[in-house]
C-alpha atoms as a PDB file:
ATOM      1  CA  MET A   1      -8.982 -14.676  17.616  1.00  0.00           C
ATOM      2  CA  THR A   2      -7.524 -18.139  18.107  1.00  0.00           C
ATOM      3  CA  GLU A   3      -4.041 -19.031  16.932  1.00  0.00           C
ATOM      4  CA  PRO A   4      -5.164 -21.413  14.130  1.00  0.00           C
ATOM      5  CA  GLN A   5      -7.312 -18.645  12.592  1.00  0.00           C
ATOM      6  CA  VAL A   6      -4.339 -16.253  12.625  1.00  0.00           C
ATOM      7  CA  HIS A   7      -2.108 -18.774  10.872  1.00  0.00           C
ATOM      8  CA  SER A   8      -4.894 -19.537   8.402  1.00  0.00           C
ATOM      9  CA  TRP A   9      -5.281 -16.006   6.990  1.00  0.00           C
ATOM     10  CA  ILE A  10      -1.548 -15.364   7.045  1.00  0.00           C
ATOM     11  CA  MET A  11      -0.761 -18.553   5.142  1.00  0.00           C
ATOM     12  CA  GLU A  12      -3.528 -17.861   2.638  1.00  0.00           C
ATOM     13  CA  LEU A  13      -2.282 -14.333   1.980  1.00  0.00           C
ATOM     14  CA  ARG A  14       1.293 -15.545   1.533  1.00  0.00           C
ATOM     15  CA  LYS A  15       0.068 -18.027  -1.057  1.00  0.00           C
ATOM     16  CA  HIS A  16      -1.863 -15.336  -2.970  1.00  0.00           C
ATOM     17  CA  LEU A  17       1.140 -12.999  -2.949  1.00  0.00           C
ATOM     18  CA  SER A  18       3.769 -15.532  -4.004  1.00  0.00           C
ATOM     19  CA  SER A  19       2.226 -16.997  -7.158  1.00  0.00           C
ATOM     20  CA  PRO A  20       2.710 -15.688  -9.736  1.00  0.00           C
ATOM     21  CA  PRO A  21       5.784 -13.774  -8.546  1.00  0.00           C
ATOM     22  CA  PRO A  22       5.320  -9.991  -8.379  1.00  0.00           C
ATOM     23  CA  ARG A  23       6.369  -8.101 -11.518  1.00  0.00           C
ATOM     24  CA  ARG A  24       9.511  -6.009 -11.455  1.00  0.00           C
ATOM     25  CA  LEU A  25      10.357  -3.024 -13.662  1.00  0.00           C
ATOM     26  CA  PRO A  26      13.525  -2.924 -15.775  1.00  0.00           C
ATOM     27  CA  PRO A  27      16.450  -1.342 -13.872  1.00  0.00           C
ATOM     28  CA  THR A  28      16.758   2.423 -14.391  1.00  0.00           C
ATOM     29  CA  ASP A  29      18.289   5.457 -12.700  1.00  0.00           C
ATOM     30  CA  SER A  30      14.948   6.177 -10.990  1.00  0.00           C
ATOM     31  CA  ARG A  31      14.947   6.662  -7.236  1.00  0.00           C
ATOM     32  CA  GLN A  32      14.210   3.403  -5.450  1.00  0.00           C
ATOM     33  CA  ALA A  33      11.548   3.400  -2.752  1.00  0.00           C
ATOM     34  CA  ALA A  34       9.262   1.058  -0.853  1.00  0.00           C
ATOM     35  CA  VAL A  35       5.974   1.207   1.024  1.00  0.00           C
ATOM     36  CA  LEU A  36       4.308  -1.089   3.511  1.00  0.00           C
ATOM     37  CA  ALA A  37       0.688  -2.186   3.181  1.00  0.00           C
ATOM     38  CA  PRO A  38      -0.035  -3.225   6.795  1.00  0.00           C
ATOM     39  CA  LEU A  39      -2.848  -5.756   7.147  1.00  0.00           C
ATOM     40  CA  TYR A  40      -4.664  -6.996  10.208  1.00  0.00           C
ATOM     41  CA  VAL A  41      -7.875  -8.804  11.095  1.00  0.00           C
ATOM     42  CA  ASP A  42     -10.522  -7.249  13.316  1.00  0.00           C
ATOM     43  CA  ALA A  43     -13.890  -8.943  13.942  1.00  0.00           C
ATOM     44  CA  GLY A  44     -13.215 -11.443  11.162  1.00  0.00           C
ATOM     45  CA  GLU A  45     -12.535  -8.760   8.531  1.00  0.00           C
ATOM     46  CA  LEU A  46      -9.261  -7.789   6.845  1.00  0.00           C
ATOM     47  CA  TRP A  47      -8.199  -4.152   7.345  1.00  0.00           C
ATOM     48  CA  THR A  48      -5.347  -1.901   6.271  1.00  0.00           C
ATOM     49  CA  LEU A  49      -3.945   1.427   7.483  1.00  0.00           C
ATOM     50  CA  LEU A  50      -3.468   4.483   5.284  1.00  0.00           C
ATOM     51  CA  THR A  51      -1.861   7.830   5.985  1.00  0.00           C
ATOM     52  CA  LYS A  52      -2.546  11.363   4.837  1.00  0.00           C
ATOM     53  CA  ARG A  53       0.823  13.027   4.273  1.00  0.00           C
ATOM     54  CA  THR A  54       1.403  16.555   5.546  1.00  0.00           C
ATOM     55  CA  ASP A  55       1.897  19.549   3.279  1.00  0.00           C
ATOM     56  CA  LYS A  56       5.438  19.956   4.663  1.00  0.00           C
ATOM     57  CA  LEU A  57       6.907  17.033   2.729  1.00  0.00           C
ATOM     58  CA  PRO A  58       8.970  17.490  -0.466  1.00  0.00           C
ATOM     59  CA  HIS A  59       7.217  14.673  -2.374  1.00  0.00           C
ATOM     60  CA  HIS A  60       3.539  13.643  -2.644  1.00  0.00           C
ATOM     61  CA  LYS A  61       2.430  16.224  -0.074  1.00  0.00           C
ATOM     62  CA  GLY A  62      -1.137  15.969   1.178  1.00  0.00           C
ATOM     63  CA  GLN A  63      -1.730  12.654  -0.561  1.00  0.00           C
ATOM     64  CA  ILE A  64      -3.241   9.464   0.822  1.00  0.00           C
ATOM     65  CA  ALA A  65      -0.485   6.862   0.977  1.00  0.00           C
ATOM     66  CA  PHE A  66       0.868   3.769   2.617  1.00  0.00           C
ATOM     67  CA  PRO A  67       3.800   4.394   4.969  1.00  0.00           C
ATOM     68  CA  GLY A  68       7.076   4.373   3.060  1.00  0.00           C
ATOM     69  CA  GLY A  69       9.908   6.263   1.431  1.00  0.00           C
ATOM     70  CA  SER A  70      13.214   6.123  -0.398  1.00  0.00           C
ATOM     71  CA  LEU A  71      15.772   3.382   0.118  1.00  0.00           C
ATOM     72  CA  GLU A  72      18.877   4.477   1.989  1.00  0.00           C
ATOM     73  CA  ALA A  73      22.363   3.186   1.184  1.00  0.00           C
ATOM     74  CA  GLY A  74      22.583  -0.587   1.701  1.00  0.00           C
ATOM     75  CA  GLU A  75      18.838  -1.054   2.228  1.00  0.00           C
ATOM     76  CA  ASP A  76      16.555  -3.440   0.392  1.00  0.00           C
ATOM     77  CA  PRO A  77      12.839  -2.630  -0.070  1.00  0.00           C
ATOM     78  CA  TRP A  78      11.793  -4.396   3.127  1.00  0.00           C
ATOM     79  CA  ASP A  79      14.432  -2.562   5.192  1.00  0.00           C
ATOM     80  CA  ALA A  80      13.158   0.764   3.879  1.00  0.00           C
ATOM     81  CA  ALA A  81       9.459  -0.102   4.253  1.00  0.00           C
ATOM     82  CA  LEU A  82       9.884  -1.226   7.868  1.00  0.00           C
ATOM     83  CA  ARG A  83      12.108   1.726   8.817  1.00  0.00           C
ATOM     84  CA  GLU A  84       9.783   4.281   7.247  1.00  0.00           C
ATOM     85  CA  THR A  85       6.697   2.672   8.811  1.00  0.00           C
ATOM     86  CA  HIS A  86       8.292   2.941  12.238  1.00  0.00           C
ATOM     87  CA  GLU A  87       9.406   6.530  11.608  1.00  0.00           C
ATOM     88  CA  GLU A  88       6.047   7.696  10.224  1.00  0.00           C
ATOM     89  CA  VAL A  89       3.442   5.848  12.280  1.00  0.00           C
ATOM     90  CA  GLY A  90       5.376   4.164  15.090  1.00  0.00           C
ATOM     91  CA  ILE A  91       4.609   0.506  14.365  1.00  0.00           C
ATOM     92  CA  ALA A  92       7.442  -1.514  15.882  1.00  0.00           C
ATOM     93  CA  THR A  93       9.505  -3.302  13.245  1.00  0.00           C
ATOM     94  CA  GLU A  94       9.564  -6.553  15.199  1.00  0.00           C
ATOM     95  CA  LYS A  95       5.751  -6.687  15.226  1.00  0.00           C
ATOM     96  CA  ILE A  96       5.459  -6.725  11.421  1.00  0.00           C
ATOM     97  CA  LEU A  97       5.293 -10.182   9.835  1.00  0.00           C
ATOM     98  CA  ARG A  98       6.378 -10.314   6.192  1.00  0.00           C
ATOM     99  CA  LEU A  99       3.680 -11.703   3.905  1.00  0.00           C
ATOM    100  CA  GLY A 100       4.998 -10.871   0.431  1.00  0.00           C
ATOM    101  CA  GLU A 101       5.296  -8.139  -2.165  1.00  0.00           C
ATOM    102  CA  LEU A 102       3.165  -6.651  -4.934  1.00  0.00           C
ATOM    103  CA  ASP A 103       4.088  -5.522  -8.447  1.00  0.00           C
ATOM    104  CA  GLU A 104       6.713  -2.801  -8.584  1.00  0.00           C
ATOM    105  CA  ALA A 105       5.225   0.556  -9.566  1.00  0.00           C
ATOM    106  CA  GLU A 106       6.536   3.839 -10.892  1.00  0.00           C
ATOM    107  CA  THR A 107       5.411   7.390 -10.264  1.00  0.00           C
ATOM    108  CA  PRO A 108       5.438  10.418 -12.562  1.00  0.00           C
ATOM    109  CA  THR A 109       7.819  12.001 -10.042  1.00  0.00           C
ATOM    110  CA  GLY A 110      10.525   9.466 -10.888  1.00  0.00           C
ATOM    111  CA  PHE A 111      10.280   6.823  -8.172  1.00  0.00           C
ATOM    112  CA  HIS A 112      10.308   3.041  -8.598  1.00  0.00           C
ATOM    113  CA  ILE A 113       8.393   1.642  -5.640  1.00  0.00           C
ATOM    114  CA  VAL A 114       8.195  -1.912  -4.284  1.00  0.00           C
ATOM    115  CA  PRO A 115       5.008  -2.415  -2.212  1.00  0.00           C
ATOM    116  CA  CYS A 116       5.629  -4.770   0.714  1.00  0.00           C
ATOM    117  CA  VAL A 117       2.702  -6.444   2.470  1.00  0.00           C
ATOM    118  CA  GLY A 118       2.952  -7.213   6.166  1.00  0.00           C
ATOM    119  CA  ALA A 119       0.693  -8.513   8.924  1.00  0.00           C
ATOM    120  CA  VAL A 120       0.456  -6.490  12.127  1.00  0.00           C
ATOM    121  CA  PRO A 121      -1.156  -7.587  15.388  1.00  0.00           C
ATOM    122  CA  PHE A 122      -4.524  -6.144  16.396  1.00  0.00           C
ATOM    123  CA  PRO A 123      -5.000  -3.808  18.189  1.00  0.00           C
ATOM    124  CA  VAL A 124      -2.327  -1.943  16.228  1.00  0.00           C
ATOM    125  CA  GLU A 125      -0.042   0.214  18.377  1.00  0.00           C
ATOM    126  CA  THR A 126       0.857   3.424  16.538  1.00  0.00           C
ATOM    127  CA  GLN A 127       2.445   6.806  17.184  1.00  0.00           C
ATOM    128  CA  ILE A 128       2.147   9.374  14.411  1.00  0.00           C
ATOM    129  CA  ASN A 129       5.082  11.549  13.382  1.00  0.00           C
ATOM    130  CA  GLY A 130       3.298  14.887  12.985  1.00  0.00           C
ATOM    131  CA  ASP A 131       6.042  16.331  10.775  1.00  0.00           C
ATOM    132  CA  GLU A 132       5.278  13.764   8.082  1.00  0.00           C
ATOM    133  CA  ILE A 133       1.797  12.409   8.746  1.00  0.00           C
ATOM    134  CA  GLU A 134      -1.348  14.481   9.202  1.00  0.00           C
ATOM    135  CA  GLU A 135      -3.674  11.513   9.739  1.00  0.00           C
ATOM    136  CA  LEU A 136      -3.583   7.731  10.083  1.00  0.00           C
ATOM    137  CA  PHE A 137      -6.834   5.905   9.426  1.00  0.00           C
ATOM    138  CA  PRO A 138      -8.030   2.277   9.118  1.00  0.00           C
ATOM    139  CA  VAL A 139     -10.016   1.016   6.145  1.00  0.00           C
ATOM    140  CA  PRO A 140     -11.534  -2.446   5.646  1.00  0.00           C
ATOM    141  CA  ILE A 141     -10.285  -4.090   2.449  1.00  0.00           C
ATOM    142  CA  SER A 142     -13.910  -4.806   1.545  1.00  0.00           C
ATOM    143  CA  ALA A 143     -14.490  -1.037   1.177  1.00  0.00           C
ATOM    144  CA  PHE A 144     -12.140  -0.990  -1.812  1.00  0.00           C
ATOM    145  CA  ALA A 145     -13.863  -3.999  -3.368  1.00  0.00           C
ATOM    146  CA  ASN A 146     -17.268  -2.279  -3.263  1.00  0.00           C
ATOM    147  CA  PRO A 147     -18.153  -1.320  -6.874  1.00  0.00           C
ATOM    148  CA  ARG A 148     -19.944   1.804  -5.620  1.00  0.00           C
ATOM    149  CA  ALA A 149     -16.657   3.061  -4.155  1.00  0.00           C
ATOM    150  CA  ILE A 150     -14.753   2.746  -7.445  1.00  0.00           C
ATOM    151  CA  GLU A 151     -14.420   5.465 -10.051  1.00  0.00           C
ATOM    152  CA  ASP A 152     -12.376   5.087 -13.232  1.00  0.00           C
ATOM    153  CA  ARG A 153     -11.907   8.637 -14.541  1.00  0.00           C
ATOM    154  CA  LEU A 154     -10.410   9.525 -17.936  1.00  0.00           C
ATOM    155  CA  VAL A 155      -7.790  12.240 -17.432  1.00  0.00           C
ATOM    156  CA  LYS A 156      -5.115  13.848 -19.569  1.00  0.00           C
ATOM    157  CA  ILE A 157      -1.581  13.422 -18.202  1.00  0.00           C
ATOM    158  CA  ASP A 158       1.342  14.936 -20.145  1.00  0.00           C
ATOM    159  CA  GLY A 159      -0.912  15.263 -23.169  1.00  0.00           C
ATOM    160  CA  ALA A 160      -2.027  11.621 -23.158  1.00  0.00           C
ATOM    161  CA  ASP A 161      -5.413  10.220 -22.123  1.00  0.00           C
ATOM    162  CA  ARG A 162      -5.134   7.859 -19.154  1.00  0.00           C
ATOM    163  CA  MET A 163      -7.648   6.092 -16.990  1.00  0.00           C
ATOM    164  CA  LEU A 164      -7.256   7.106 -13.356  1.00  0.00           C
ATOM    165  CA  ARG A 165      -8.546   4.753 -10.649  1.00  0.00           C
ATOM    166  CA  ILE A 166     -10.108   6.494  -7.654  1.00  0.00           C
ATOM    167  CA  TYR A 167     -11.449   4.728  -4.552  1.00  0.00           C
ATOM    168  CA  HIS A 168     -13.956   6.719  -2.492  1.00  0.00           C
ATOM    169  CA  VAL A 169     -13.623   5.427   1.073  1.00  0.00           C
ATOM    170  CA  GLY A 170     -15.332   7.389   3.819  1.00  0.00           C
ATOM    171  CA  ARG A 171     -14.369  11.047   3.412  1.00  0.00           C
ATOM    172  CA  HIS A 172     -11.146  10.170   1.564  1.00  0.00           C
ATOM    173  CA  GLN A 173     -10.302   9.746  -2.102  1.00  0.00           C
ATOM    174  CA  VAL A 174      -7.521   7.253  -2.779  1.00  0.00           C
ATOM    175  CA  TRP A 175      -5.912   7.659  -6.203  1.00  0.00           C
ATOM    176  CA  GLY A 176      -2.586   7.565  -8.017  1.00  0.00           C
ATOM    177  CA  LEU A 177       0.096   5.162  -6.823  1.00  0.00           C
ATOM    178  CA  THR A 178      -1.817   4.122  -3.696  1.00  0.00           C
ATOM    179  CA  ALA A 179      -4.918   3.246  -5.734  1.00  0.00           C
ATOM    180  CA  ASN A 180      -2.806   1.203  -8.151  1.00  0.00           C
ATOM    181  CA  ILE A 181      -1.186  -0.682  -5.258  1.00  0.00           C
ATOM    182  CA  MET A 182      -4.597  -1.338  -3.714  1.00  0.00           C
ATOM    183  CA  LYS A 183      -5.968  -2.538  -7.049  1.00  0.00           C
ATOM    184  CA  ASN A 184      -3.036  -4.959  -7.367  1.00  0.00           C
ATOM    185  CA  LEU A 185      -3.670  -6.240  -3.831  1.00  0.00           C
ATOM    186  CA  LEU A 186      -7.373  -6.757  -4.567  1.00  0.00           C
ATOM    187  CA  GLN A 187      -6.472  -8.682  -7.730  1.00  0.00           C
ATOM    188  CA  ARG A 188      -4.101 -10.888  -5.737  1.00  0.00           C
ATOM    189  CA  LEU A 189      -6.859 -11.573  -3.222  1.00  0.00           C
ATOM    190  CA  GLY A 190      -9.328 -12.432  -5.978  1.00  0.00           C
ATOM    191  CA  LEU A 191     -11.527  -9.433  -5.151  1.00  0.00           C
ATOM    192  CA  GLU A 192     -11.003  -7.718  -8.507  1.00  0.00           C
ATOM    193  CA  GLN A 193     -10.477  -9.087 -12.001  1.00  0.00           C
ATOM    194  CA  GLU A 194      -7.079  -8.756 -13.666  1.00  0.00           C
ATOM    195  CA  ASP A 195      -7.077  -6.429 -16.639  1.00  0.00           C
ATOM    196  CA  GLU A 196      -4.702  -5.443 -19.392  1.00  0.00           C
ATOM    197  CA  THR A 197      -5.258  -1.697 -19.017  1.00  0.00           C
ATOM    198  CA  PRO A 198      -2.059   0.083 -17.997  1.00  0.00           C
ATOM    199  CA  ASN A 199      -2.431   2.345 -14.968  1.00  0.00           C
END
């Protein structure tokens, strides 16, 4: 890939992510956390990396997720996202180019999470931390935009009916927080319509 093409997709993504500004939740006593959605281009197509968390972890065990975790003392979301990405999947912090952020999200387990979006060079150099990550796998963004891969399932959570977004990509099902982050990214990229349905 030539240098002008690299700058082109990076500048375009930054523009999509910056306007309108990402939404933020009202301050609470919830635990603050951050994740990184790493993006790269291979053969002219935009890709991301997802992890499957091990069953050894205290939170969100066995789930499909972006690299990330809780903020430590003195950290901002980007500090935490970059540190956790390096700890979990070995991507060097200095190789991640900041593109922007997505809407802050909350989990039923009491976390407020800021999704950070960063560009990483291809081929992506990784080293999995087996204590935290069972699997790291690439997915083209177009796979999430395929209507045949999308399932909106009505489920009952804490006695209330809610619509749960599930993406079926390869042999994986992406749901919950990660699906909501991906949906927000697709909306920012113009690959999915905005809606007023809370997720």
